[in-house]
Protein backbone atom coordinates (compact mmCIF):
# COMPACT_ATOMS: atom_id res chain seq x y z
CA MET A 1 31.15 -30.49 -50.88
CA SER A 2 28.35 -29.41 -53.17
CA ALA A 3 26.30 -26.49 -51.92
CA ALA A 4 23.27 -28.29 -53.31
CA THR A 5 23.63 -31.32 -51.05
CA GLY A 6 25.58 -30.20 -47.97
CA TRP A 7 24.10 -30.14 -44.47
CA THR A 8 23.78 -26.80 -42.67
CA PHE A 9 21.98 -25.17 -39.78
CA GLY A 10 20.42 -21.85 -40.77
CA GLU A 11 19.97 -18.72 -38.71
CA ASP A 12 16.48 -20.05 -37.94
CA LEU A 13 18.22 -23.05 -36.24
CA ARG A 14 16.61 -25.44 -38.73
CA LEU A 15 18.63 -28.22 -40.35
CA ARG A 16 18.78 -28.37 -44.15
CA LYS A 17 20.32 -30.60 -46.74
CA GLY A 18 20.73 -28.28 -49.64
CA ASP A 19 17.49 -26.30 -49.75
CA ARG A 20 15.35 -28.97 -48.09
CA LEU A 21 14.41 -28.75 -44.42
CA ARG A 22 15.21 -32.04 -42.73
CA LEU A 23 14.19 -33.87 -39.55
CA LEU A 24 16.61 -36.53 -38.30
CA VAL A 25 14.77 -39.19 -36.31
CA GLY A 26 15.97 -42.67 -35.51
CA GLY A 27 18.59 -43.94 -33.16
CA GLN A 28 22.08 -44.86 -32.15
CA VAL A 29 23.30 -48.41 -32.59
CA HIS A 30 24.95 -50.15 -29.66
CA ASN A 31 28.58 -49.22 -28.99
CA SER A 32 30.07 -52.30 -30.67
CA SER A 33 27.63 -52.56 -33.57
CA SER A 34 29.90 -50.59 -35.90
CA SER A 35 33.05 -52.62 -35.16
CA SER A 36 32.66 -55.13 -38.02
CA PRO A 37 31.16 -54.99 -41.52
CA ALA A 38 28.61 -57.70 -40.67
CA ALA A 39 27.49 -55.86 -37.53
CA ILE A 40 27.15 -52.63 -39.51
CA ARG A 41 24.95 -54.31 -42.10
CA GLU A 42 22.66 -55.90 -39.52
CA SER A 43 22.39 -52.93 -37.16
CA PHE A 44 21.75 -50.41 -39.95
CA ALA A 45 19.18 -52.72 -41.54
CA HIS A 46 17.40 -53.00 -38.20
CA ALA A 47 17.33 -49.22 -37.89
CA ARG A 48 15.47 -49.23 -41.20
CA ARG A 49 13.12 -51.97 -39.97
CA VAL A 50 12.02 -49.73 -37.10
CA ASN A 51 11.38 -46.86 -39.55
CA ALA A 52 14.36 -44.66 -38.73
CA ASN A 53 15.55 -42.19 -41.33
CA THR A 54 18.78 -41.59 -39.41
CA VAL A 55 21.33 -43.85 -37.75
CA LEU A 56 24.05 -42.78 -35.30
CA ALA A 57 27.14 -44.99 -35.16
CA PRO A 58 30.53 -44.85 -33.38
CA VAL A 59 33.94 -44.54 -34.98
CA SER A 60 36.57 -45.98 -32.63
CA TRP A 61 39.96 -44.26 -32.59
CA ALA A 62 41.57 -47.58 -31.60
CA LEU A 63 40.18 -49.29 -34.71
CA LEU A 64 40.77 -46.33 -37.03
CA GLU A 65 44.44 -45.84 -36.08
CA PRO A 66 45.75 -49.09 -34.56
CA ARG A 67 49.34 -47.90 -35.06
CA GLU A 68 50.35 -44.26 -35.03
CA GLY A 69 50.00 -42.79 -38.48
CA VAL A 70 48.51 -45.97 -39.95
CA PHE A 71 44.79 -45.54 -40.67
CA ASP A 72 42.19 -48.16 -41.53
CA PHE A 73 39.05 -46.63 -43.01
CA ALA A 74 37.32 -49.89 -43.92
CA LEU A 75 34.64 -49.56 -41.23
CA VAL A 76 34.00 -45.90 -42.01
CA ASP A 77 33.64 -46.73 -45.70
CA ALA A 78 31.26 -49.57 -44.84
CA MET A 79 29.07 -47.27 -42.72
CA VAL A 80 28.84 -44.62 -45.43
CA ALA A 81 28.06 -47.21 -48.09
CA GLU A 82 25.45 -49.03 -46.00
CA ALA A 83 23.70 -45.83 -44.92
CA SER A 84 23.63 -44.70 -48.55
CA ARG A 85 22.22 -48.04 -49.72
CA LEU A 86 19.44 -47.89 -47.11
CA ASP A 87 18.74 -44.17 -47.70
CA LEU A 88 19.64 -43.36 -44.10
CA ALA A 89 21.22 -40.13 -42.93
CA LEU A 90 24.35 -41.01 -40.95
CA VAL A 91 25.63 -39.30 -37.82
CA LEU A 92 29.15 -40.39 -36.93
CA LEU A 93 30.22 -40.42 -33.28
CA TRP A 94 33.94 -39.88 -32.72
CA PHE A 95 34.92 -42.13 -29.82
CA GLY A 96 38.38 -40.65 -29.50
CA ALA A 97 40.24 -39.94 -26.29
CA PHE A 98 37.04 -39.63 -24.29
CA LYS A 99 33.96 -41.82 -24.16
CA ASN A 100 31.72 -41.82 -21.07
CA ALA A 101 34.41 -39.93 -19.13
CA ALA A 102 37.00 -42.64 -19.83
CA SER A 103 39.60 -43.42 -22.49
CA THR A 104 38.91 -47.04 -23.44
CA TYR A 105 38.57 -46.15 -27.15
CA ALA A 106 42.04 -44.58 -27.32
CA PRO A 107 44.52 -46.85 -29.15
CA ARG A 108 46.93 -49.04 -27.21
CA TRP A 109 49.90 -47.00 -28.46
CA VAL A 110 48.35 -44.00 -26.70
CA ARG A 111 47.34 -45.72 -23.49
CA GLU A 112 50.65 -47.50 -22.95
CA ASP A 113 52.78 -44.33 -23.29
CA ARG A 114 52.10 -42.63 -19.97
CA GLU A 115 54.98 -40.20 -20.35
CA ARG A 116 53.77 -38.78 -23.64
CA PHE A 117 50.08 -39.15 -22.81
CA PRO A 118 49.71 -38.71 -19.04
CA ARG A 119 46.69 -39.87 -17.12
CA ALA A 120 44.26 -37.73 -15.17
CA VAL A 121 44.73 -37.85 -11.41
CA VAL A 122 41.73 -37.85 -9.10
CA HIS A 123 41.33 -37.59 -5.35
CA PRO A 124 38.01 -39.41 -5.03
CA THR A 125 35.75 -37.18 -2.95
CA THR A 126 32.39 -37.94 -4.53
CA LYS A 127 30.19 -40.82 -3.50
CA GLY A 128 28.62 -43.26 -5.89
CA SER A 129 30.31 -42.40 -9.18
CA ALA A 130 29.08 -44.51 -12.08
CA PHE A 131 31.13 -47.53 -13.18
CA HIS A 132 33.23 -47.62 -10.00
CA TYR A 133 33.09 -50.08 -7.11
CA SER A 134 35.50 -51.83 -4.80
CA GLY A 135 37.76 -54.17 -6.77
CA VAL A 136 36.84 -52.89 -10.21
CA THR A 137 39.53 -53.23 -12.92
CA PRO A 138 41.00 -49.75 -13.43
CA THR A 139 39.66 -47.79 -16.38
CA PRO A 140 42.10 -45.56 -18.27
CA VAL A 141 41.38 -41.83 -18.09
CA LEU A 142 43.75 -39.63 -20.05
CA SER A 143 44.40 -36.02 -19.07
CA VAL A 144 42.63 -33.48 -21.25
CA PHE A 145 45.44 -31.04 -20.40
CA SER A 146 47.96 -32.98 -22.53
CA SER A 147 48.76 -31.08 -25.72
CA ASP A 148 50.28 -34.26 -27.16
CA LEU A 149 46.98 -36.06 -26.63
CA ARG A 150 45.00 -33.23 -28.18
CA ASP A 151 47.30 -33.20 -31.21
CA ALA A 152 47.19 -36.98 -31.69
CA ASP A 153 43.43 -37.13 -31.22
CA GLY A 154 43.04 -34.17 -33.56
CA THR A 155 45.21 -35.77 -36.22
CA ALA A 156 43.07 -38.91 -36.20
CA PHE A 157 39.85 -36.90 -36.23
CA GLU A 158 41.09 -34.80 -39.13
CA ALA A 159 41.98 -37.99 -41.01
CA LEU A 160 38.43 -39.26 -40.45
CA VAL A 161 36.88 -36.09 -41.86
CA ARG A 162 39.34 -36.09 -44.76
CA ARG A 163 38.18 -39.60 -45.59
CA LEU A 164 34.58 -38.40 -45.57
CA ALA A 165 35.51 -35.60 -47.96
CA GLU A 166 36.91 -38.26 -50.30
CA VAL A 167 34.23 -40.97 -50.15
CA ASP A 168 31.00 -39.27 -49.04
CA GLU A 169 30.25 -37.42 -52.25
CA ALA A 170 26.49 -37.56 -51.65
CA ASP A 171 26.83 -36.14 -48.13
CA VAL A 172 25.25 -39.10 -46.39
CA VAL A 173 26.92 -37.94 -43.15
CA ALA A 174 24.72 -35.22 -41.69
CA LEU A 175 26.48 -34.50 -38.40
CA VAL A 176 29.61 -35.54 -36.52
CA GLN A 177 29.78 -35.82 -32.74
CA VAL A 178 33.16 -34.88 -31.24
CA GLU A 179 34.04 -37.25 -28.35
CA ASN A 180 31.25 -38.80 -26.26
CA GLU A 181 29.96 -37.73 -22.84
CA SER A 182 33.28 -36.14 -21.96
CA GLY A 183 34.21 -35.07 -18.46
CA LEU A 184 35.85 -36.45 -15.33
CA LEU A 185 34.33 -38.87 -12.83
CA ARG A 186 35.23 -39.40 -9.14
CA ASP A 187 36.57 -35.87 -8.63
CA SER A 188 35.53 -32.36 -9.56
CA ARG A 189 38.80 -31.66 -11.41
CA ASP A 190 41.95 -33.30 -12.67
CA ARG A 191 44.80 -33.08 -10.10
CA SER A 192 47.65 -34.11 -12.43
CA ALA A 193 50.74 -31.93 -12.74
CA LEU A 194 49.55 -30.57 -16.10
CA ALA A 195 46.15 -29.74 -14.65
CA GLU A 196 47.59 -28.05 -11.57
CA ALA A 197 49.77 -25.89 -13.80
CA ALA A 198 46.70 -24.89 -15.83
CA TRP A 199 44.77 -24.10 -12.61
CA ALA A 200 47.49 -21.60 -11.70
CA GLU A 201 47.42 -19.86 -15.08
CA PRO A 202 45.36 -16.73 -15.84
CA VAL A 203 41.73 -17.29 -16.83
CA PRO A 204 41.28 -16.51 -20.54
CA ALA A 205 39.88 -13.03 -21.15
CA ALA A 206 37.11 -14.45 -23.37
CA LEU A 207 35.72 -16.48 -20.51
CA ILE A 208 35.83 -13.55 -18.09
CA ALA A 209 33.94 -11.47 -20.66
CA SER A 210 31.31 -14.21 -20.89
CA ALA A 211 31.05 -14.41 -17.11
CA ARG A 212 30.57 -10.65 -16.94
CA SER A 213 27.78 -10.62 -19.55
CA ALA A 214 25.94 -13.72 -18.30
CA GLY A 215 22.86 -13.40 -16.11
CA ASP A 216 22.36 -14.48 -12.52
CA ALA A 217 21.17 -17.91 -13.67
CA SER A 218 24.71 -18.67 -14.87
CA LEU A 219 26.92 -20.63 -12.48
CA MET A 220 30.10 -19.01 -13.76
CA HIS A 221 28.56 -15.53 -13.40
CA ARG A 222 27.62 -16.21 -9.78
CA LEU A 223 31.08 -17.59 -9.01
CA TRP A 224 32.74 -14.63 -10.72
CA THR A 225 30.55 -12.18 -8.80
CA GLY A 226 31.18 -13.97 -5.50
CA ALA A 227 34.95 -13.85 -6.07
CA GLY A 228 34.91 -10.07 -6.52
CA ARG A 229 34.15 -9.55 -10.22
CA ARG A 230 37.83 -9.55 -11.15
CA ASP A 231 39.00 -8.61 -14.65
CA ALA A 232 41.99 -10.94 -14.48
CA GLY A 233 43.60 -13.56 -12.27
CA THR A 234 44.10 -17.26 -11.78
CA TRP A 235 41.18 -19.65 -11.75
CA ALA A 236 41.00 -19.59 -7.95
CA GLU A 237 41.19 -15.78 -7.92
CA VAL A 238 38.51 -15.28 -10.59
CA PHE A 239 36.05 -18.06 -9.67
CA GLY A 240 37.04 -19.08 -6.14
CA ARG A 241 37.66 -22.60 -4.87
CA GLY A 242 35.40 -25.59 -4.55
CA ALA A 243 33.61 -28.12 -6.72
CA ASP A 244 31.62 -25.52 -8.65
CA ALA A 245 34.73 -23.58 -9.66
CA ASP A 246 36.42 -26.87 -10.53
CA GLU A 247 33.58 -27.73 -12.91
CA VAL A 248 33.91 -24.39 -14.71
CA PHE A 249 37.67 -24.95 -15.00
CA MET A 250 37.21 -28.45 -16.42
CA ALA A 251 34.46 -27.27 -18.78
CA TRP A 252 36.80 -24.69 -20.29
CA ALA A 253 39.59 -27.25 -20.65
CA ILE A 254 37.43 -29.94 -22.25
CA GLY A 255 35.44 -27.51 -24.39
CA SER A 256 38.68 -25.99 -25.70
CA TYR A 257 40.05 -29.46 -26.46
CA VAL A 258 36.90 -30.39 -28.40
CA GLU A 259 36.98 -27.04 -30.19
CA ARG A 260 40.47 -27.76 -31.50
CA LEU A 261 39.32 -31.09 -32.96
CA ALA A 262 36.22 -29.50 -34.48
CA GLN A 263 38.29 -26.75 -36.09
CA ARG A 264 40.66 -29.26 -37.65
CA GLY A 265 37.77 -31.29 -39.01
CA GLN A 266 35.81 -28.37 -40.38
CA ASP A 267 38.89 -26.99 -42.11
CA VAL A 268 38.69 -30.15 -44.23
CA LYS A 269 34.91 -30.43 -44.69
CA PRO A 270 32.33 -28.13 -43.06
CA ILE A 271 30.08 -30.82 -41.57
CA PRO A 272 27.98 -29.58 -38.62
CA MET A 273 29.51 -30.88 -35.39
CA TYR A 274 28.27 -31.15 -31.83
CA ALA A 275 29.05 -32.53 -28.37
CA ASN A 276 26.74 -34.63 -26.21
CA ALA A 277 26.18 -34.44 -22.47
CA TRP A 278 25.81 -36.90 -19.64
CA LEU A 279 23.24 -34.96 -17.63
CA GLY A 280 24.09 -33.42 -14.32
CA PRO A 281 22.93 -32.74 -11.72
CA GLN A 282 20.40 -35.58 -11.79
CA PRO A 283 18.80 -37.83 -9.17
CA GLY A 284 21.56 -39.56 -7.21
CA GLN A 285 24.23 -37.35 -8.77
CA ASP A 286 24.36 -33.95 -7.10
CA GLN A 287 28.08 -33.11 -7.19
CA PRO A 288 30.49 -32.67 -10.13
CA GLY A 289 32.38 -35.93 -10.42
CA GLN A 290 29.25 -37.99 -9.84
CA TRP A 291 28.34 -36.83 -13.32
CA PRO A 292 31.37 -36.10 -15.57
CA SER A 293 32.74 -32.82 -14.31
CA GLY A 294 33.51 -30.46 -17.16
CA GLY A 295 31.27 -32.14 -19.71
CA PRO A 296 28.57 -30.01 -21.34
CA SER A 297 26.14 -30.34 -18.43
CA SER A 298 23.36 -27.82 -17.94
CA ARG A 299 25.38 -25.79 -15.42
CA VAL A 300 28.24 -25.01 -17.80
CA LEU A 301 26.61 -24.69 -21.22
CA ASP A 302 27.69 -21.04 -21.44
CA VAL A 303 31.30 -22.04 -20.67
CA TRP A 304 31.21 -24.60 -23.47
CA ARG A 305 29.64 -22.21 -25.95
CA THR A 306 32.44 -19.75 -25.26
CA ALA A 307 35.17 -22.40 -25.44
CA ALA A 308 33.82 -24.24 -28.51
CA PRO A 309 32.17 -21.80 -30.91
CA SER A 310 32.74 -24.14 -33.87
CA LEU A 311 30.17 -26.60 -32.51
CA ALA A 312 26.68 -26.21 -33.93
CA LEU A 313 25.06 -27.41 -30.70
CA LEU A 314 25.33 -29.18 -27.37
CA GLY A 315 22.86 -32.04 -26.99
CA PRO A 316 21.53 -33.87 -23.92
CA ASP A 317 21.61 -37.65 -23.52
CA ILE A 318 18.30 -38.19 -21.74
CA TYR A 319 17.86 -41.21 -19.48
CA VAL A 320 16.24 -39.41 -16.54
CA ASP A 321 12.51 -39.68 -15.81
CA ASP A 322 12.02 -35.91 -16.02
CA ALA A 323 12.91 -35.64 -19.69
CA ALA A 324 10.86 -32.45 -20.04
CA ALA A 325 13.16 -30.54 -17.67
CA ALA A 326 16.27 -31.80 -19.46
CA MET A 327 14.89 -30.66 -22.81
CA ARG A 328 14.10 -27.21 -21.43
CA ASP A 329 17.71 -26.83 -20.26
CA TYR A 330 19.10 -27.41 -23.76
CA ALA A 331 16.29 -26.14 -26.03
CA THR A 332 16.79 -22.50 -25.10
CA GLY A 333 16.95 -21.04 -28.60
CA ALA A 334 20.65 -20.24 -28.25
CA GLN A 335 21.53 -23.15 -30.56
CA PRO A 336 19.70 -25.81 -32.56
CA PHE A 337 18.20 -28.58 -30.44
CA PHE A 338 19.06 -32.22 -31.03
CA VAL A 339 18.72 -35.22 -28.70
CA PRO A 340 21.66 -37.58 -29.43
CA GLU A 341 20.56 -40.29 -26.98
CA SER A 342 17.28 -41.08 -25.30
CA ARG A 343 15.34 -43.97 -23.89
CA LEU A 344 12.95 -45.61 -26.32
CA ARG A 345 9.91 -43.55 -25.28
CA ALA A 346 7.41 -42.38 -27.88
CA GLY A 347 6.16 -39.59 -25.63
CA GLU A 348 9.63 -38.05 -25.45
CA LEU A 349 10.04 -38.35 -29.21
CA VAL A 350 6.96 -36.22 -29.86
CA ARG A 351 7.86 -33.84 -27.02
CA ALA A 352 11.27 -33.16 -28.56
CA VAL A 353 9.93 -32.68 -32.09
CA GLY A 354 6.73 -30.84 -31.19
CA THR A 355 7.27 -28.87 -28.00
CA HIS A 356 10.94 -28.04 -28.56
CA ARG A 357 11.11 -28.18 -32.38
CA ALA A 358 14.12 -30.51 -32.30
CA ALA A 359 16.12 -30.93 -35.47
CA GLY A 360 16.42 -34.56 -34.51
CA TRP A 361 15.91 -37.23 -31.86
CA SER A 362 17.78 -40.47 -31.38
CA ALA A 363 16.96 -43.48 -29.21
CA PHE A 364 19.91 -45.43 -27.87
CA GLY A 365 20.11 -49.08 -28.90
CA ILE A 366 18.00 -48.71 -32.03
CA ASP A 367 19.34 -52.06 -33.27
CA GLY A 368 17.56 -53.68 -30.33
CA ALA A 369 14.28 -51.79 -30.75
CA ASN A 370 11.01 -53.63 -31.30
CA PRO A 371 9.68 -53.12 -34.86
CA GLU A 372 6.16 -53.53 -33.40
CA GLY A 373 6.75 -50.91 -30.69
CA GLN A 374 5.29 -47.44 -30.34
CA VAL A 375 8.54 -45.68 -31.21
CA ALA A 376 8.74 -47.57 -34.50
CA ALA A 377 5.11 -46.73 -35.30
CA THR A 378 5.59 -43.06 -34.41
CA LEU A 379 8.74 -42.88 -36.51
CA ALA A 380 6.83 -44.20 -39.52
CA TYR A 381 4.36 -41.32 -39.35
CA LEU A 382 7.03 -38.69 -38.62
CA ILE A 383 9.10 -39.75 -41.60
CA ALA A 384 6.06 -39.85 -43.89
CA PHE A 385 5.27 -36.28 -42.77
CA GLU A 386 8.90 -35.12 -42.58
CA ASP A 387 8.55 -32.17 -44.95
CA GLU A 388 5.31 -30.99 -43.37
CA ILE A 389 6.66 -31.32 -39.81
CA ALA A 390 9.87 -29.48 -40.64
CA ALA A 391 7.86 -26.66 -42.24
CA ALA A 392 5.53 -26.50 -39.22
CA GLN A 393 8.53 -26.31 -36.90
CA ARG A 394 9.93 -23.40 -38.84
CA ALA A 395 6.54 -21.64 -38.83
CA GLU A 396 6.04 -22.42 -35.09
CA ARG A 397 2.76 -24.20 -35.86
CA ILE A 398 3.52 -27.41 -33.99
CA GLY A 399 3.15 -28.73 -30.47
CA ALA A 400 3.06 -31.91 -28.44
CA VAL A 401 1.20 -33.24 -25.43
CA VAL A 402 2.22 -35.98 -23.01
CA VAL A 403 -0.37 -36.61 -20.29
CA GLU A 404 1.60 -37.45 -17.16
CA PRO A 405 0.13 -39.68 -14.43
CA GLY A 406 -2.03 -37.68 -12.04
CA VAL A 407 -2.32 -34.72 -14.45
CA PRO A 408 -5.87 -34.57 -15.84
CA VAL A 409 -5.27 -32.03 -18.63
CA THR A 410 -2.18 -31.00 -20.57
CA ASP A 411 -2.18 -28.02 -22.95
CA ALA A 412 -0.10 -27.10 -25.98
CA SER A 413 -0.14 -24.16 -28.38
CA VAL A 414 -0.30 -24.76 -32.13
CA GLY A 415 -0.43 -21.47 -34.00
CA ASP A 416 -3.36 -19.54 -32.51
CA LEU A 417 -4.97 -22.74 -31.20
CA THR A 418 -4.84 -24.10 -27.67
CA VAL A 419 -4.89 -27.89 -27.73
CA SER A 420 -6.05 -29.57 -24.49
CA ALA A 421 -5.24 -33.24 -24.02
CA ARG A 422 -6.82 -35.80 -21.71
CA GLY A 423 -6.33 -39.52 -21.39
CA LEU A 424 -9.08 -41.17 -23.44
CA ASN A 425 -9.35 -44.10 -21.06
CA ASP A 426 -10.05 -41.73 -18.18
CA ILE A 427 -12.80 -39.96 -20.14
CA VAL A 428 -14.49 -43.22 -21.16
CA ARG A 429 -14.30 -44.51 -17.59
CA ASP A 430 -15.95 -41.32 -16.30
CA PHE A 431 -18.66 -41.45 -18.99
CA LEU A 432 -19.55 -45.03 -18.07
CA LEU A 433 -19.47 -44.27 -14.38
CA ASP A 434 -22.07 -41.56 -15.01
CA VAL A 435 -24.44 -44.25 -16.31
CA GLY A 436 -23.64 -46.71 -13.55
CA VAL A 437 -20.96 -48.84 -15.19
CA GLN A 438 -17.67 -49.14 -13.29
CA LEU A 439 -14.55 -50.30 -15.14
CA PRO A 440 -11.46 -51.66 -13.37
CA GLU A 441 -8.45 -49.35 -13.09
CA GLU A 442 -6.32 -51.24 -15.60
CA ALA A 443 -3.86 -49.88 -18.12
CA LEU A 444 -4.09 -51.25 -21.62
CA PRO A 445 -1.25 -53.60 -22.51
CA VAL A 446 1.41 -52.08 -24.76
CA PRO A 447 4.34 -53.86 -26.41
CA ASP A 448 7.82 -53.54 -24.97
CA GLU A 449 10.01 -51.12 -26.89
CA THR A 450 12.94 -53.53 -26.84
CA LEU A 451 13.45 -57.01 -28.24
CA PRO A 452 13.75 -59.90 -25.76
CA ARG A 453 17.52 -60.16 -26.19
CA GLU A 454 18.19 -56.63 -24.96
CA PRO A 455 20.06 -56.43 -21.61
CA VAL A 456 17.93 -53.52 -20.33
CA PRO A 457 14.24 -54.01 -21.21
CA THR A 458 12.26 -50.86 -21.95
CA PRO A 459 8.50 -51.03 -21.40
CA GLY A 460 6.09 -49.39 -23.79
CA GLU A 461 4.65 -45.91 -23.35
CA ARG A 462 1.55 -45.92 -21.13
CA ARG A 463 1.15 -42.15 -21.06
CA PRO A 464 -1.28 -40.74 -23.62
CA PHE A 465 0.67 -38.63 -26.11
CA ALA A 466 0.32 -36.77 -29.39
CA LEU A 467 2.19 -34.63 -31.86
CA VAL A 468 -0.04 -31.92 -33.38
CA PHE A 469 0.94 -29.70 -36.29
CA ALA A 470 -1.06 -27.29 -38.43
CA GLU A 471 -1.14 -27.67 -42.20
CA ASP A 472 -3.10 -24.43 -42.49
CA ASP A 473 -5.17 -22.22 -40.18
CA ASP A 474 -8.00 -24.72 -39.91
CA THR A 475 -6.38 -28.12 -40.52
CA CYS A 476 -4.21 -30.07 -38.09
CA VAL A 477 -2.56 -33.47 -38.23
CA ILE A 478 -2.41 -35.54 -35.06
CA VAL A 479 -0.02 -38.45 -34.46
CA GLY A 480 -0.32 -40.28 -31.17
CA GLN A 481 -2.08 -42.79 -28.98
CA GLY A 482 -4.70 -42.87 -26.25
CA VAL A 483 -5.37 -39.15 -26.14
CA LYS A 484 -8.55 -37.04 -26.49
CA LEU A 485 -7.89 -33.57 -27.88
CA ASP A 486 -10.00 -30.44 -27.61
CA PHE A 487 -9.33 -27.22 -29.52
CA ALA A 488 -9.93 -23.61 -28.55
CA SER A 489 -8.93 -20.22 -29.93
CA ALA A 490 -8.84 -16.75 -28.41
CA ALA A 491 -10.16 -15.48 -31.74
CA GLY A 492 -13.49 -17.26 -31.31
CA GLU A 493 -15.26 -20.58 -30.91
CA VAL A 494 -14.06 -23.60 -32.91
CA GLU A 495 -15.56 -27.02 -33.42
CA TYR A 496 -14.66 -30.20 -35.27
CA ASP A 497 -15.71 -30.05 -38.92
CA SER A 498 -14.26 -33.31 -40.23
CA VAL A 499 -11.87 -36.02 -39.07
CA THR A 500 -10.09 -38.39 -41.46
CA GLU A 501 -8.08 -41.36 -40.28
CA LEU A 502 -4.56 -41.48 -41.77
CA LEU A 503 -2.82 -44.75 -42.56
CA ILE A 504 0.69 -45.73 -43.68
CA GLU A 505 0.98 -47.62 -46.97
CA ASP A 506 4.35 -48.24 -48.64
CA GLY A 507 5.91 -45.50 -46.54
CA GLY A 508 3.33 -42.89 -47.54
CA ILE A 509 0.15 -41.45 -46.05
CA VAL A 510 -3.24 -42.55 -47.35
CA PRO A 511 -6.68 -41.55 -46.04
CA GLY A 512 -8.73 -44.11 -44.13
CA ARG A 513 -12.18 -43.80 -42.60
CA VAL A 514 -13.98 -40.50 -42.17
CA LEU A 515 -14.63 -40.49 -38.42
CA ASN A 516 -17.87 -39.24 -36.90
CA GLY A 517 -20.24 -40.17 -34.13
CA ASP A 518 -18.76 -42.40 -31.42
CA GLU A 519 -15.50 -42.71 -33.34
CA ARG A 520 -14.82 -39.00 -32.84
CA LEU A 521 -13.83 -39.95 -29.29
CA GLN A 522 -10.95 -41.95 -30.77
CA VAL A 523 -9.39 -39.50 -33.19
CA VAL A 524 -6.23 -41.52 -32.57
CA PRO A 525 -6.43 -45.11 -31.29
CA VAL A 526 -6.12 -46.26 -27.70
CA ASP A 527 -4.44 -49.58 -28.47
CA ARG A 528 -1.82 -48.46 -30.99
CA VAL A 529 -0.19 -45.38 -32.50
CA GLY A 530 -2.27 -43.77 -35.22
CA ALA A 531 -2.89 -40.49 -37.00
CA ALA A 532 -5.74 -38.31 -38.21
CA ARG A 533 -6.33 -35.09 -40.10
CA VAL A 534 -8.74 -32.74 -38.32
CA THR A 535 -10.45 -29.84 -40.04
CA LEU A 536 -11.92 -27.21 -37.73
CA LEU A 537 -14.87 -24.90 -38.23
CA ARG A 538 -14.37 -21.41 -36.83
CA LEU A 539 -17.58 -19.79 -35.65
CA SER A 540 -17.79 -16.01 -35.73
């Protein structure tokens, strides 16, 4: 790999390709959209149509290694070639032994050999686990405690990365995800013979050291303290018994498994690697096993970081309504922040990039996204301003506002400026009411974010939102919709000096109207996503 083109995360947690700061924004194609050359061409082309600069796509172990030791790289080659042709960064998702806490992407030769590759055993104690109901066809779940499974999975993963080292000379592949939403459903830990033997073994000294040094907010620290702050012992002796201790045990097992794969891959080519998380706890899922126990959930991030130091980051898959809380759990500054999966919501895109300085954000089902939607429009501006946004992130001169229902004002900090955001519709309605004109309480229509064929429709973003970043001390760029922004500084009074509308032409930014008078109310539009450059006058 050429040092001039390779992808790396720096000590500042920023992503670079060579010397250039990069921002990866786009989406993940549907699970089966990378299973044929034709589907790859169409899904990647659609990602480009919705203005993505990055596409995430699965690599299925079952398709890569249909017979043990026999590898078919045709689909991998097609993805690298198509991403290169479309000038897309590519993030490959290794759907190996574990995908959504199951093993349906493991090859048949693995799944049919139960002696060599034993299954996990659960004693269902949790209510309402996802994907399970009375009469459901059983889903295979392999045991993460099988060394044979780890070695076979690792051999296939290493072969994948070796292929990338051979064919991806331009380093189109930016990141590789190791497994997908790993963990165990329907029980807090595996009860197989291999797992029970591991439960009775001594806890690794590295994990006890991490438990000792962690703060009171850490689940494993609280369990370790409650069990007597032991320096050695079995899992039950060091962390106690119960679902919480089970989750720590499973997190160490799965994190160590993923670490072994990541090590084998990075020994071949040092591509940044990460693991993604099915969030837990979350509404309706309050016990390990309702979310995948042992996956990189918010309660066991420190366990994973100890078990899998080769991973660049742990990223949240965000489908919950309270996306802000999920982002706070993962964007702690301990590692780079990247959102591997999210709903198609423009407000959460700008929140990730602006508030939490994400290295990237990915919507799930990008090949079903509406090219006329708000996400597509926001992506167009973010990509046109990629260099400026990445520089503002590094300089901490960027912020975002999402005005939630019932919240009149939302603030963000951009450099030394405080940016206050209000819904423009609410302001106009209040102005007119002051002069005796009453408008109906109606939200403006917004396009759906998904195409009509999509199985789960996603409505457009009705919350006012904006990304704000400073180009210099007195000039800010705003990208958003339906929001009125006011600026203040502790250093003294500021006022608007000039406002210039910014338009997209041929993928670049061109100036539009110079806004003044009534149009200063709509620095960004109400009915669509837009952008503007604001110059401020500082009054001494």
